[in-house]
Structure formats: structure tokens, C-alpha cells
Amino acid sequence: MLAFQRALAPEPRRALKAALLALARGQVDIRALEDELAGFYRLRVGAFRVVFFYAPDGTIVCFHAERRAVVYDLLAANLAELLS
């Protein structure tokens, strides 16, 4: 996640940082994912999507981020690898 954020241009990087801070405060619109991605949630940040889940202790774990066009396909294809 940090490598993705660092690779962004300054403005999208600031928007992503602001959205993540708002997520921590519970001030954003999130949506639960379905099917093989059940248990994960998505946060929209412009053209990007951040996929996260809530750990048992309530911590928010930002799991994957990518451009909207490819984020869900990449995540579904690599889910087992990413979880290990």
C-alpha cells in the first residue's frame, strides 16, 4: 500500500492520504464487497479504490489499492497470494 501511495503524483497522493484519515474517523462512504471478496470493503478516492478490512480488534487494515478499472480483477486473481 505504501509503495502504491508513493508512486502517485502529488495531488492523488494528497487525496488518498486525506481519504485514509477520513476513513479512520468514520467520515467516508464505504461499500462492502461481495462474493469471493466478502469481508472486504472499498473506499473510493477519485479514480482509485482502496480495499480494506476490519481486523478483529477493530483496526482498519488497508489491504490493496489500484486504479478503479483493474483493482477488483487484480485483487480477486491474487487474493490467496496476498493473504499469505
N, C-alpha and C. Protein backbone atom coordinates (compact mmCIF):
# COMPACT_ATOMS: atom_id res chain seq x y z
N MET A 1 0.82 -1.19 0.00
CA MET A 1 0.00 0.00 0.00
C MET A 1 0.86 1.25 0.00
N LEU A 2 1.91 1.28 0.81
CA LEU A 2 2.77 2.45 0.85
C LEU A 2 3.50 2.66 -0.46
N ALA A 3 3.93 1.58 -1.09
CA ALA A 3 4.61 1.70 -2.38
C ALA A 3 3.66 2.28 -3.42
N PHE A 4 2.42 1.86 -3.40
CA PHE A 4 1.42 2.40 -4.32
C PHE A 4 1.25 3.89 -4.08
N GLN A 5 1.10 4.28 -2.83
CA GLN A 5 0.89 5.69 -2.49
C GLN A 5 2.10 6.53 -2.90
N ARG A 6 3.28 6.05 -2.67
CA ARG A 6 4.49 6.81 -3.02
C ARG A 6 4.66 6.97 -4.52
N ALA A 7 4.10 6.06 -5.30
CA ALA A 7 4.25 6.12 -6.75
C ALA A 7 3.28 7.11 -7.40
N LEU A 8 2.33 7.62 -6.64
CA LEU A 8 1.34 8.54 -7.18
C LEU A 8 1.91 9.95 -7.34
N ALA A 9 1.29 10.70 -8.23
CA ALA A 9 1.61 12.12 -8.36
C ALA A 9 1.17 12.84 -7.08
N PRO A 10 1.68 14.03 -6.83
CA PRO A 10 1.38 14.71 -5.56
C PRO A 10 -0.10 14.89 -5.25
N GLU A 11 -0.91 15.33 -6.21
CA GLU A 11 -2.32 15.57 -5.91
C GLU A 11 -3.09 14.30 -5.57
N PRO A 12 -2.98 13.22 -6.38
CA PRO A 12 -3.66 11.98 -5.97
C PRO A 12 -3.14 11.42 -4.64
N ARG A 13 -1.86 11.62 -4.37
CA ARG A 13 -1.28 11.16 -3.10
C ARG A 13 -1.92 11.91 -1.93
N ARG A 14 -2.10 13.23 -2.08
CA ARG A 14 -2.75 14.01 -1.02
C ARG A 14 -4.20 13.57 -0.83
N ALA A 15 -4.89 13.34 -1.95
CA ALA A 15 -6.29 12.91 -1.87
C ALA A 15 -6.41 11.55 -1.17
N LEU A 16 -5.49 10.64 -1.48
CA LEU A 16 -5.50 9.32 -0.85
C LEU A 16 -5.23 9.44 0.65
N LYS A 17 -4.26 10.25 1.00
CA LYS A 17 -3.95 10.44 2.42
C LYS A 17 -5.15 11.03 3.17
N ALA A 18 -5.79 12.03 2.57
CA ALA A 18 -6.96 12.65 3.21
C ALA A 18 -8.09 11.64 3.36
N ALA A 19 -8.31 10.81 2.34
CA ALA A 19 -9.37 9.81 2.39
C ALA A 19 -9.09 8.77 3.47
N LEU A 20 -7.83 8.36 3.62
CA LEU A 20 -7.48 7.38 4.65
C LEU A 20 -7.66 7.96 6.05
N LEU A 21 -7.32 9.22 6.22
CA LEU A 21 -7.55 9.86 7.52
C LEU A 21 -9.04 9.97 7.81
N ALA A 22 -9.84 10.31 6.80
CA ALA A 22 -11.28 10.37 6.98
C ALA A 22 -11.87 8.99 7.28
N LEU A 23 -11.30 7.95 6.65
CA LEU A 23 -11.73 6.58 6.94
C LEU A 23 -11.52 6.25 8.41
N ALA A 24 -10.38 6.63 8.94
CA ALA A 24 -10.08 6.37 10.35
C ALA A 24 -11.07 7.07 11.28
N ARG A 25 -11.59 8.21 10.82
CA ARG A 25 -12.57 8.95 11.63
C ARG A 25 -14.01 8.52 11.34
N GLY A 26 -14.20 7.62 10.36
CA GLY A 26 -15.53 7.14 10.02
C GLY A 26 -16.33 8.14 9.21
N GLN A 27 -15.68 8.98 8.46
CA GLN A 27 -16.34 10.06 7.74
C GLN A 27 -16.34 9.87 6.23
N VAL A 28 -16.36 8.65 5.75
CA VAL A 28 -16.34 8.40 4.31
C VAL A 28 -17.42 7.40 3.93
N ASP A 29 -17.71 7.39 2.65
CA ASP A 29 -18.68 6.44 2.11
C ASP A 29 -17.94 5.17 1.71
N ILE A 30 -18.25 4.07 2.39
CA ILE A 30 -17.62 2.80 2.06
C ILE A 30 -18.70 1.83 1.59
N ARG A 31 -18.28 0.79 0.93
CA ARG A 31 -19.22 -0.23 0.46
C ARG A 31 -18.61 -1.61 0.72
N ALA A 32 -19.43 -2.51 1.21
CA ALA A 32 -18.99 -3.89 1.42
C ALA A 32 -18.89 -4.59 0.08
N LEU A 33 -17.84 -5.38 -0.11
CA LEU A 33 -17.68 -6.16 -1.34
C LEU A 33 -18.41 -7.49 -1.19
N GLU A 34 -18.64 -8.14 -2.32
CA GLU A 34 -19.44 -9.37 -2.31
C GLU A 34 -18.67 -10.54 -2.91
N ASP A 35 -19.32 -11.69 -2.91
CA ASP A 35 -18.81 -12.94 -3.50
C ASP A 35 -17.47 -13.32 -2.90
N GLU A 36 -16.46 -13.56 -3.72
CA GLU A 36 -15.16 -14.02 -3.20
C GLU A 36 -14.44 -12.94 -2.42
N LEU A 37 -14.93 -11.70 -2.49
CA LEU A 37 -14.31 -10.60 -1.75
C LEU A 37 -15.14 -10.21 -0.52
N ALA A 38 -16.07 -11.06 -0.12
CA ALA A 38 -16.88 -10.78 1.07
C ALA A 38 -15.96 -10.63 2.28
N GLY A 39 -16.28 -9.69 3.13
CA GLY A 39 -15.45 -9.40 4.30
C GLY A 39 -14.53 -8.22 4.07
N PHE A 40 -14.39 -7.81 2.81
CA PHE A 40 -13.59 -6.64 2.46
C PHE A 40 -14.52 -5.48 2.13
N TYR A 41 -14.00 -4.29 2.22
CA TYR A 41 -14.74 -3.07 1.91
C TYR A 41 -13.94 -2.25 0.93
N ARG A 42 -14.63 -1.34 0.23
CA ARG A 42 -13.92 -0.47 -0.69
C ARG A 42 -14.17 0.98 -0.33
N LEU A 43 -13.13 1.77 -0.53
CA LEU A 43 -13.17 3.20 -0.34
C LEU A 43 -12.84 3.84 -1.67
N ARG A 44 -13.70 4.72 -2.16
CA ARG A 44 -13.44 5.42 -3.42
C ARG A 44 -12.62 6.66 -3.15
N VAL A 45 -11.56 6.83 -3.95
CA VAL A 45 -10.73 8.02 -3.88
C VAL A 45 -10.46 8.44 -5.31
N GLY A 46 -11.34 9.23 -5.88
CA GLY A 46 -11.20 9.64 -7.28
C GLY A 46 -11.22 8.43 -8.18
N ALA A 47 -10.18 8.27 -8.99
CA ALA A 47 -10.08 7.15 -9.92
C ALA A 47 -9.51 5.90 -9.27
N PHE A 48 -9.26 5.96 -7.99
CA PHE A 48 -8.64 4.84 -7.28
C PHE A 48 -9.62 4.20 -6.32
N ARG A 49 -9.35 2.94 -6.00
CA ARG A 49 -10.12 2.23 -4.99
C ARG A 49 -9.15 1.64 -3.98
N VAL A 50 -9.50 1.76 -2.72
CA VAL A 50 -8.73 1.16 -1.64
C VAL A 50 -9.59 0.05 -1.06
N VAL A 51 -9.04 -1.15 -1.01
CA VAL A 51 -9.75 -2.30 -0.44
C VAL A 51 -9.17 -2.51 0.96
N PHE A 52 -10.06 -2.63 1.93
CA PHE A 52 -9.62 -2.78 3.31
C PHE A 52 -10.54 -3.74 4.04
N PHE A 53 -10.14 -4.13 5.24
CA PHE A 53 -10.99 -4.93 6.11
C PHE A 53 -10.77 -4.49 7.55
N TYR A 54 -11.70 -4.88 8.38
CA TYR A 54 -11.59 -4.58 9.81
C TYR A 54 -11.01 -5.80 10.52
N ALA A 55 -9.90 -5.61 11.19
CA ALA A 55 -9.29 -6.68 11.98
C ALA A 55 -10.17 -6.95 13.20
N PRO A 56 -10.03 -8.13 13.82
CA PRO A 56 -10.86 -8.45 14.99
C PRO A 56 -10.77 -7.42 16.12
N ASP A 57 -9.65 -6.73 16.23
CA ASP A 57 -9.52 -5.71 17.28
C ASP A 57 -10.08 -4.35 16.87
N GLY A 58 -10.68 -4.27 15.66
CA GLY A 58 -11.27 -3.03 15.18
C GLY A 58 -10.35 -2.18 14.33
N THR A 59 -9.11 -2.60 14.22
CA THR A 59 -8.16 -1.87 13.39
C THR A 59 -8.55 -1.97 11.92
N ILE A 60 -8.38 -0.88 11.18
CA ILE A 60 -8.64 -0.87 9.75
C ILE A 60 -7.35 -1.26 9.04
N VAL A 61 -7.41 -2.32 8.23
CA VAL A 61 -6.24 -2.80 7.51
C VAL A 61 -6.45 -2.50 6.02
N CYS A 62 -5.69 -1.53 5.50
CA CYS A 62 -5.76 -1.21 4.08
C CYS A 62 -4.96 -2.27 3.35
N PHE A 63 -5.66 -3.03 2.55
CA PHE A 63 -5.13 -4.27 2.00
C PHE A 63 -4.60 -4.13 0.58
N HIS A 64 -5.28 -3.32 -0.24
CA HIS A 64 -4.91 -3.23 -1.65
C HIS A 64 -5.45 -1.93 -2.21
N ALA A 65 -4.70 -1.30 -3.10
CA ALA A 65 -5.17 -0.08 -3.76
C ALA A 65 -4.70 -0.11 -5.21
N GLU A 66 -5.54 0.39 -6.08
CA GLU A 66 -5.20 0.41 -7.50
C GLU A 66 -6.23 1.28 -8.22
N ARG A 67 -5.99 1.51 -9.50
CA ARG A 67 -6.97 2.24 -10.31
C ARG A 67 -8.27 1.45 -10.38
N ARG A 68 -9.37 2.17 -10.45
CA ARG A 68 -10.70 1.56 -10.43
C ARG A 68 -10.88 0.50 -11.50
N ALA A 69 -10.34 0.72 -12.67
CA ALA A 69 -10.56 -0.19 -13.80
C ALA A 69 -10.01 -1.59 -13.56
N VAL A 70 -9.01 -1.73 -12.70
CA VAL A 70 -8.36 -3.04 -12.54
C VAL A 70 -8.31 -3.56 -11.11
N VAL A 71 -8.70 -2.77 -10.14
CA VAL A 71 -8.48 -3.15 -8.74
C VAL A 71 -9.15 -4.46 -8.37
N TYR A 72 -10.39 -4.67 -8.74
CA TYR A 72 -11.11 -5.87 -8.29
C TYR A 72 -10.61 -7.11 -9.01
N ASP A 73 -10.29 -6.99 -10.30
CA ASP A 73 -9.76 -8.14 -11.04
C ASP A 73 -8.42 -8.57 -10.48
N LEU A 74 -7.54 -7.61 -10.23
CA LEU A 74 -6.22 -7.94 -9.67
C LEU A 74 -6.35 -8.52 -8.27
N LEU A 75 -7.22 -7.96 -7.47
CA LEU A 75 -7.38 -8.47 -6.11
C LEU A 75 -7.93 -9.88 -6.11
N ALA A 76 -8.97 -10.14 -6.89
CA ALA A 76 -9.56 -11.48 -6.93
C ALA A 76 -8.55 -12.50 -7.45
N ALA A 77 -7.76 -12.11 -8.45
CA ALA A 77 -6.80 -13.03 -9.04
C ALA A 77 -5.65 -13.34 -8.08
N ASN A 78 -5.29 -12.40 -7.23
CA ASN A 78 -4.13 -12.57 -6.36
C ASN A 78 -4.47 -12.67 -4.89
N LEU A 79 -5.72 -12.90 -4.56
CA LEU A 79 -6.14 -12.88 -3.17
C LEU A 79 -5.39 -13.89 -2.31
N ALA A 80 -5.28 -15.10 -2.77
CA ALA A 80 -4.58 -16.14 -1.97
C ALA A 80 -3.14 -15.75 -1.74
N GLU A 81 -2.48 -15.23 -2.74
CA GLU A 81 -1.08 -14.82 -2.61
C GLU A 81 -0.94 -13.64 -1.66
N LEU A 82 -1.84 -12.68 -1.75
CA LEU A 82 -1.78 -11.50 -0.91
C LEU A 82 -2.02 -11.82 0.56
N LEU A 83 -2.87 -12.80 0.82
CA LEU A 83 -3.19 -13.16 2.20
C LEU A 83 -2.10 -13.96 2.89
N SER A 84 -1.22 -14.56 2.12
CA SER A 84 -0.18 -15.41 2.74
C SER A 84 0.99 -14.61 3.26
